[in-house]
N, C-alpha and C. Protein backbone atom coordinates (compact mmCIF):
# COMPACT_ATOMS: atom_id res chain seq x y z
N MET A 1 6.83 4.39 20.15
CA MET A 1 7.44 4.75 19.22
C MET A 1 6.68 4.80 17.81
N ASP A 2 7.30 6.03 17.03
CA ASP A 2 6.78 5.97 15.54
C ASP A 2 7.50 5.04 14.63
N PRO A 3 7.31 4.10 13.97
CA PRO A 3 8.10 3.13 13.08
C PRO A 3 8.74 3.94 11.55
N PRO A 4 9.94 3.51 11.16
CA PRO A 4 9.74 4.15 10.18
C PRO A 4 9.06 3.86 9.00
N TYR A 5 8.59 4.61 7.82
CA TYR A 5 7.40 4.33 7.33
C TYR A 5 7.79 3.54 5.97
N THR A 6 8.50 2.53 6.19
CA THR A 6 9.19 1.92 4.61
C THR A 6 8.50 0.48 5.07
N PRO A 7 8.67 -0.50 4.36
CA PRO A 7 7.99 -2.02 4.65
C PRO A 7 9.28 -2.58 5.32
N VAL A 8 10.19 -2.10 5.07
CA VAL A 8 11.63 -2.91 5.51
C VAL A 8 11.11 -2.36 7.29
N GLY A 9 11.21 -1.12 7.79
CA GLY A 9 11.29 -0.48 8.71
C GLY A 9 10.31 -0.81 9.53
N ILE A 10 9.03 -1.02 8.94
CA ILE A 10 7.65 -1.77 9.99
C ILE A 10 8.14 -2.87 10.17
N GLN A 11 8.76 -4.08 9.37
CA GLN A 11 9.29 -4.84 9.81
C GLN A 11 10.11 -5.28 10.97
N TYR A 12 11.15 -4.51 10.65
CA TYR A 12 12.02 -4.53 11.72
C TYR A 12 11.60 -3.82 13.27
N TRP A 13 10.84 -2.96 12.67
CA TRP A 13 9.92 -2.64 13.97
C TRP A 13 9.21 -3.22 14.45
N LEU A 14 8.34 -4.02 14.02
CA LEU A 14 7.60 -4.90 14.47
C LEU A 14 8.41 -6.21 14.92
N GLN A 15 9.00 -6.61 14.41
CA GLN A 15 10.08 -7.80 15.23
C GLN A 15 10.85 -7.62 16.32
N ARG A 16 10.90 -6.65 16.47
CA ARG A 16 11.20 -5.89 17.96
C ARG A 16 10.62 -5.94 18.69
N ALA A 17 9.60 -5.62 18.65
CA ALA A 17 7.82 -5.75 19.65
C ALA A 17 7.73 -6.67 20.07
N LEU A 18 7.54 -7.62 19.08
CA LEU A 18 7.49 -9.37 19.25
C LEU A 18 8.26 -9.68 20.29
N GLU A 19 9.84 -9.64 19.54
CA GLU A 19 10.56 -10.01 20.61
C GLU A 19 10.47 -9.82 22.15
N THR A 20 10.17 -8.35 22.33
CA THR A 20 10.40 -7.65 23.74
C THR A 20 9.33 -8.46 24.49
N THR A 21 7.97 -8.72 23.30
CA THR A 21 6.81 -9.40 24.10
C THR A 21 6.56 -10.63 24.60
N ILE A 22 7.28 -11.47 23.57
CA ILE A 22 7.17 -13.04 23.63
C ILE A 22 8.79 -13.58 23.89
N GLY A 23 9.49 -12.89 23.72
CA GLY A 23 10.79 -12.91 24.15
C GLY A 23 11.33 -14.22 23.07
N THR A 24 12.84 -14.44 23.63
CA THR A 24 13.56 -15.51 22.77
C THR A 24 13.59 -16.57 23.15
N GLY A 25 13.43 -16.86 24.46
CA GLY A 25 13.75 -18.37 25.08
C GLY A 25 12.52 -18.95 25.09
N ARG A 26 13.11 -19.90 25.77
CA ARG A 26 12.04 -20.71 26.14
C ARG A 26 10.77 -20.68 26.95
N ASN A 27 10.52 -19.46 27.43
CA ASN A 27 9.51 -19.34 28.39
C ASN A 27 8.02 -19.82 27.48
N LYS A 28 7.37 -21.53 28.08
CA LYS A 28 6.23 -21.75 27.33
C LYS A 28 5.25 -20.54 27.52
N LYS A 29 5.01 -20.14 28.64
CA LYS A 29 3.58 -19.07 29.02
C LYS A 29 3.69 -18.22 28.33
N ARG A 30 5.13 -17.60 28.28
CA ARG A 30 4.54 -16.76 26.88
C ARG A 30 4.41 -16.88 25.57
N LYS A 31 4.94 -17.98 25.06
CA LYS A 31 4.25 -18.66 23.97
C LYS A 31 3.18 -19.53 23.70
N SER A 32 2.36 -19.19 25.13
CA SER A 32 1.06 -20.30 24.93
C SER A 32 -0.18 -19.31 24.02
N GLU A 33 -1.20 -19.93 23.45
CA GLU A 33 -2.11 -19.50 22.65
C GLU A 33 -3.11 -18.33 24.11
N GLN A 34 -3.05 -19.08 25.13
CA GLN A 34 -3.75 -18.40 26.05
C GLN A 34 -3.12 -16.69 26.38
N PHE A 35 -1.90 -16.70 26.45
CA PHE A 35 -0.85 -15.39 26.57
C PHE A 35 -1.24 -14.55 25.50
N LEU A 36 -0.81 -15.00 24.34
CA LEU A 36 -0.97 -14.49 23.13
C LEU A 36 -2.26 -14.09 22.60
N SER A 37 -3.55 -14.61 23.23
CA SER A 37 -4.75 -14.02 22.42
C SER A 37 -5.10 -12.88 23.42
N ARG A 38 -4.20 -12.37 24.52
CA ARG A 38 -4.59 -11.21 25.08
C ARG A 38 -3.90 -10.00 24.78
N ILE A 39 -2.82 -9.96 24.20
CA ILE A 39 -1.55 -9.02 23.59
C ILE A 39 -2.46 -8.62 22.30
N ARG A 40 -2.09 -7.34 22.39
CA ARG A 40 -2.67 -6.41 20.98
C ARG A 40 -1.28 -5.24 21.19
N TYR A 41 -0.73 -5.10 19.73
CA TYR A 41 0.11 -4.20 19.28
C TYR A 41 -0.67 -3.01 18.41
N LEU A 42 -0.35 -1.98 19.21
CA LEU A 42 -0.74 -0.74 17.97
C LEU A 42 0.35 0.03 17.63
N LEU A 43 -0.27 0.25 16.15
CA LEU A 43 0.84 0.55 15.23
C LEU A 43 0.20 1.96 14.71
N ALA A 44 0.79 3.07 14.75
CA ALA A 44 0.60 4.11 13.45
C ALA A 44 1.09 4.26 12.23
N TYR A 45 0.47 4.34 11.16
CA TYR A 45 0.99 4.02 10.25
C TYR A 45 -0.04 4.98 8.68
N ALA A 46 0.78 5.36 8.08
CA ALA A 46 0.04 5.97 6.95
C ALA A 46 0.57 6.12 5.41
N TYR A 47 -0.26 5.56 4.56
CA TYR A 47 0.25 6.02 3.32
C TYR A 47 -0.83 6.55 2.42
N SER A 48 -0.59 7.46 1.22
CA SER A 48 -1.84 8.30 0.55
C SER A 48 -2.30 7.52 -0.30
N ASP A 49 -3.33 7.70 -0.84
CA ASP A 49 -4.47 6.97 -1.73
C ASP A 49 -3.26 6.62 -3.06
N THR A 50 -2.68 7.34 -3.13
CA THR A 50 -1.72 7.67 -4.82
C THR A 50 -0.70 6.35 -4.27
N ALA A 51 -0.20 5.86 -2.98
CA ALA A 51 0.54 5.01 -2.67
C ALA A 51 -0.17 3.23 -2.33
N SER A 52 -0.91 3.12 -2.71
CA SER A 52 -1.77 2.21 -2.34
C SER A 52 -0.80 0.76 -2.49
N ALA A 53 0.12 0.60 -3.17
CA ALA A 53 0.93 -0.80 -3.20
C ALA A 53 1.94 -0.38 -2.20
N ARG A 54 2.57 0.59 -1.84
CA ARG A 54 3.23 0.72 -0.36
C ARG A 54 2.23 -0.02 0.54
N GLY A 55 1.11 0.65 0.81
CA GLY A 55 -0.01 0.34 1.84
C GLY A 55 -0.11 -1.65 2.02
N TRP A 56 0.06 -1.95 1.00
CA TRP A 56 -0.52 -3.56 0.73
C TRP A 56 1.10 -4.37 1.22
N ASP A 57 2.24 -3.46 0.67
CA ASP A 57 3.24 -4.61 1.03
C ASP A 57 3.63 -4.38 2.65
N VAL A 58 3.05 -3.03 3.55
CA VAL A 58 3.14 -3.07 4.70
C VAL A 58 2.04 -4.22 5.83
N GLN A 59 0.87 -4.45 4.89
CA GLN A 59 -0.14 -5.04 5.11
C GLN A 59 0.70 -6.85 5.04
N LYS A 60 1.57 -6.90 4.03
CA LYS A 60 1.62 -8.00 3.63
C LYS A 60 2.79 -8.47 4.88
N VAL A 61 3.68 -7.64 5.35
CA VAL A 61 4.72 -7.61 6.48
C VAL A 61 3.89 -8.07 7.65
N ILE A 62 2.99 -7.33 7.96
CA ILE A 62 1.98 -7.49 9.30
C ILE A 62 1.63 -9.13 9.25
N ALA A 63 1.01 -9.01 7.71
CA ALA A 63 0.25 -10.75 7.74
C ALA A 63 1.62 -11.80 8.08
N ASP A 64 2.81 -11.77 7.39
CA ASP A 64 3.99 -12.63 6.94
C ASP A 64 4.63 -12.71 8.69
N LEU A 65 4.52 -11.97 9.59
CA LEU A 65 4.98 -11.96 10.46
C LEU A 65 3.88 -12.67 11.69
N GLY A 66 2.71 -13.10 11.21
CA GLY A 66 1.76 -14.01 11.94
C GLY A 66 0.79 -12.74 13.12
N LEU A 67 0.88 -11.74 12.37
CA LEU A 67 -0.10 -11.05 12.54
C LEU A 67 -1.32 -10.43 12.04
N LEU A 68 -2.61 -10.17 12.90
CA LEU A 68 -4.02 -10.07 12.70
C LEU A 68 -4.20 -8.46 12.53
N ILE A 69 -4.76 -7.66 11.29
CA ILE A 69 -5.45 -6.28 11.82
C ILE A 69 -6.74 -6.33 12.11
N ASP A 70 -6.92 -6.27 13.66
CA ASP A 70 -7.78 -6.29 14.43
C ASP A 70 -8.86 -5.35 13.98
N GLU A 71 -8.16 -4.58 14.02
CA GLU A 71 -8.96 -3.20 13.63
C GLU A 71 -7.89 -2.00 13.30
N LYS A 72 -8.70 -0.92 12.42
CA LYS A 72 -7.93 -0.23 11.71
C LYS A 72 -8.85 1.41 12.06
N PHE A 73 -8.28 2.32 12.47
CA PHE A 73 -8.87 3.83 12.80
C PHE A 73 -8.30 4.71 11.96
N ARG A 74 -9.14 5.12 10.82
CA ARG A 74 -8.79 6.28 10.07
C ARG A 74 -8.07 7.62 10.64
N PHE A 75 -7.28 8.59 10.33
CA PHE A 75 -6.65 9.34 10.78
C PHE A 75 -6.82 9.40 11.93
N PHE A 76 -6.75 8.62 12.60
CA PHE A 76 -5.82 8.81 14.14
C PHE A 76 -5.15 9.59 14.61
N ASN A 77 -3.91 9.95 13.92
CA ASN A 77 -3.09 10.98 14.82
C ASN A 77 -2.63 12.05 13.21
N GLN A 78 -2.58 12.93 13.68
CA GLN A 78 -1.56 13.90 12.76
C GLN A 78 -0.64 14.48 12.91
N TYR A 79 0.30 14.69 12.71
CA TYR A 79 1.61 15.64 13.22
C TYR A 79 1.37 16.71 12.16
N HIS A 80 2.28 17.66 12.45
CA HIS A 80 2.36 19.11 12.09
C HIS A 80 2.80 18.78 10.53
N LYS A 81 2.25 19.17 9.36
CA LYS A 81 2.71 19.34 8.07
C LYS A 81 2.77 17.95 7.73
N ALA A 82 2.11 16.87 7.80
CA ALA A 82 2.04 15.66 7.64
C ALA A 82 1.11 14.78 7.59
N LYS A 83 0.84 13.89 7.01
CA LYS A 83 -0.66 13.01 6.14
C LYS A 83 -0.95 12.45 7.78
N PRO A 84 -2.26 12.23 7.96
CA PRO A 84 -2.55 11.54 9.29
C PRO A 84 -2.53 10.02 9.09
N SER A 85 -2.12 9.96 10.40
CA SER A 85 -1.52 8.21 10.06
C SER A 85 -3.01 7.81 10.97
N ASP A 86 -3.05 6.41 10.54
CA ASP A 86 -4.07 5.50 10.56
C ASP A 86 -3.46 4.41 11.88
N LEU A 87 -4.67 4.06 12.81
CA LEU A 87 -3.96 3.52 13.83
C LEU A 87 -4.75 1.88 13.64
N TYR A 88 -3.35 1.06 13.53
CA TYR A 88 -3.55 -0.70 13.56
C TYR A 88 -3.69 -1.20 14.84
N ILE A 89 -4.75 -2.06 15.55
CA ILE A 89 -4.61 -2.78 16.43
C ILE A 89 -4.29 -3.81 15.39
N LEU A 90 -3.42 -4.72 16.31
CA LEU A 90 -2.53 -6.04 15.61
C LEU A 90 -2.55 -6.92 16.42
N ARG A 91 -3.51 -7.99 16.03
CA ARG A 91 -3.39 -9.14 17.32
C ARG A 91 -2.54 -10.52 16.75
N PRO A 92 -1.53 -11.13 17.58
CA PRO A 92 -1.04 -12.12 17.20
C PRO A 92 -1.91 -13.63 16.77
N THR A 93 -1.43 -14.47 15.79
CA THR A 93 -2.28 -15.60 15.48
C THR A 93 -1.06 -16.63 15.91
N PRO A 94 -1.93 -18.18 15.88
CA PRO A 94 -0.63 -19.15 15.68
C PRO A 94 0.46 -19.02 15.10
N LYS A 95 0.40 -18.69 13.48
CA LYS A 95 1.51 -18.57 12.73
C LYS A 95 2.78 -17.45 13.35
N LEU A 96 2.01 -16.83 14.37
CA LEU A 96 3.24 -16.02 15.03
C LEU A 96 4.40 -16.85 15.78
N LEU A 97 4.06 -17.90 16.23
CA LEU A 97 4.87 -18.86 16.98
C LEU A 97 5.62 -19.74 15.66
N ALA A 98 5.17 -19.35 14.42
CA ALA A 98 5.71 -20.18 13.35
C ALA A 98 6.96 -19.43 12.61
N TRP A 99 6.35 -18.01 12.84
CA TRP A 99 7.89 -17.15 12.52
C TRP A 99 8.57 -17.10 13.42
N LYS A 100 8.25 -17.21 14.62
CA LYS A 100 9.45 -17.11 15.82
C LYS A 100 10.30 -18.39 15.49
N SER A 101 9.69 -19.38 15.16
CA SER A 101 10.80 -20.46 15.17
C SER A 101 11.64 -20.63 13.94
N HIS A 102 11.36 -19.79 12.87
CA HIS A 102 12.26 -19.69 11.86
C HIS A 102 13.63 -18.69 12.22
N GLN A 103 13.41 -18.20 13.15
CA GLN A 103 14.49 -17.37 12.98
C GLN A 103 16.07 -18.00 13.88
């Protein structure tokens, strides 16, 4: 799925991905560092060179959710008449569980 290209849209999209992966219940196995260390999230996102503030806002959302940008592939994908998207490979950190516990 392609997320909305606003910081709030990215936040909601990633929150749903996190809830789907680690769940909302008490499943300790899904919340263990061993399980989380094997998970990666893929996010296609683009911002122009003149909109670096928006790019920073999105990176802040990613970090605030407890995710780390492991790799970024520039110009990974391009839609017809649109700016090429970068592919972000995101990895959960222990901070992810802190975010989850505040819901």
